């Protein structure tokens, strides 16, 4: 039986001043950085700012909590 794949989305917004913003949805934790790496490179590779979404941060927090529980 196959598992249903979760939808992964990258929204690309180009502001009138040329600033490009990427927003990733449906990806857990810092895996979004791997998902956007090639796109960031193709756009010039210069990242001015990066904000992790609540979805990504919650997953990172869960991973840290799990590691702490295993190391006790």
Protein backbone atom coordinates (compact mmCIF):
# COMPACT_ATOMS: atom_id res chain seq x y z
CA UNK A 1 0.00 0.00 0.00
CA UNK A 2 1.47 3.35 -1.03
CA UNK A 3 1.58 6.29 1.34
CA UNK A 4 0.10 9.54 0.09
CA UNK A 5 2.77 12.14 -0.47
CA UNK A 6 2.26 15.45 1.26
CA UNK A 7 2.03 18.45 -1.00
CA UNK A 8 5.20 20.55 -0.98
CA UNK A 9 4.93 24.08 -2.32
CA UNK A 10 7.36 26.89 -2.98
CA UNK A 11 5.73 30.27 -3.50
CA UNK A 12 7.93 32.78 -5.32
CA UNK A 13 7.08 36.48 -4.95
CA UNK A 14 8.98 39.12 -6.90
CA UNK A 15 8.45 42.63 -5.52
CA UNK A 16 8.49 45.70 -7.79
CA UNK A 17 11.99 46.56 -6.50
CA UNK A 18 13.26 43.15 -7.66
CA UNK A 19 13.39 41.57 -4.21
CA UNK A 20 12.54 37.87 -4.43
CA UNK A 21 10.80 36.09 -1.55
CA UNK A 22 10.41 32.32 -1.27
CA UNK A 23 7.87 30.71 1.04
CA UNK A 24 7.88 26.95 1.52
CA UNK A 25 4.84 25.00 2.69
CA UNK A 26 4.39 21.32 3.48
CA UNK A 27 8.01 20.68 4.45
CA UNK A 28 9.07 19.78 7.97
CA UNK A 29 11.97 21.43 9.73
CA UNK A 30 15.07 22.70 8.00
CA UNK A 31 14.49 20.41 4.99
CA UNK A 32 13.03 23.49 3.31
CA UNK A 33 16.58 24.82 2.99
CA UNK A 34 17.56 21.80 0.90
CA UNK A 35 14.42 22.18 -1.18
CA UNK A 36 15.16 25.82 -2.08
CA UNK A 37 18.97 25.62 -2.44
CA UNK A 38 19.01 25.18 -6.24
CA UNK A 39 16.37 27.87 -6.73
CA UNK A 40 18.29 30.31 -4.50
CA UNK A 41 21.45 29.60 -6.49
CA UNK A 42 19.66 30.15 -9.81
CA UNK A 43 18.36 33.48 -8.51
CA UNK A 44 21.86 34.69 -7.70
CA UNK A 45 22.56 32.97 -4.39
CA UNK A 46 22.49 36.12 -2.27
CA UNK A 47 20.20 35.58 0.73
CA UNK A 48 19.54 38.85 2.56
CA UNK A 49 17.28 37.43 5.29
CA UNK A 50 15.79 34.09 6.25
CA UNK A 51 12.79 33.46 8.52
CA UNK A 52 11.69 30.00 9.53
CA UNK A 53 7.92 29.50 9.58
CA UNK A 54 6.10 28.27 12.66
CA UNK A 55 5.72 24.89 10.87
CA UNK A 56 9.48 24.56 10.40
CA UNK A 57 10.34 25.78 13.89
CA UNK A 58 7.87 23.42 15.57
CA UNK A 59 9.47 20.46 13.82
CA UNK A 60 12.96 21.59 14.86
CA UNK A 61 11.76 21.97 18.46
CA UNK A 62 10.27 18.45 18.34
CA UNK A 63 13.56 17.03 17.05
CA UNK A 64 15.52 18.74 19.84
CA UNK A 65 13.07 17.47 22.46
CA UNK A 66 13.40 13.90 21.10
CA UNK A 67 17.21 14.05 21.20
CA UNK A 68 17.14 15.35 24.76
CA UNK A 69 14.83 12.51 25.84
CA UNK A 70 17.12 9.90 24.23
CA UNK A 71 20.23 11.32 25.92
CA UNK A 72 18.81 11.18 29.45
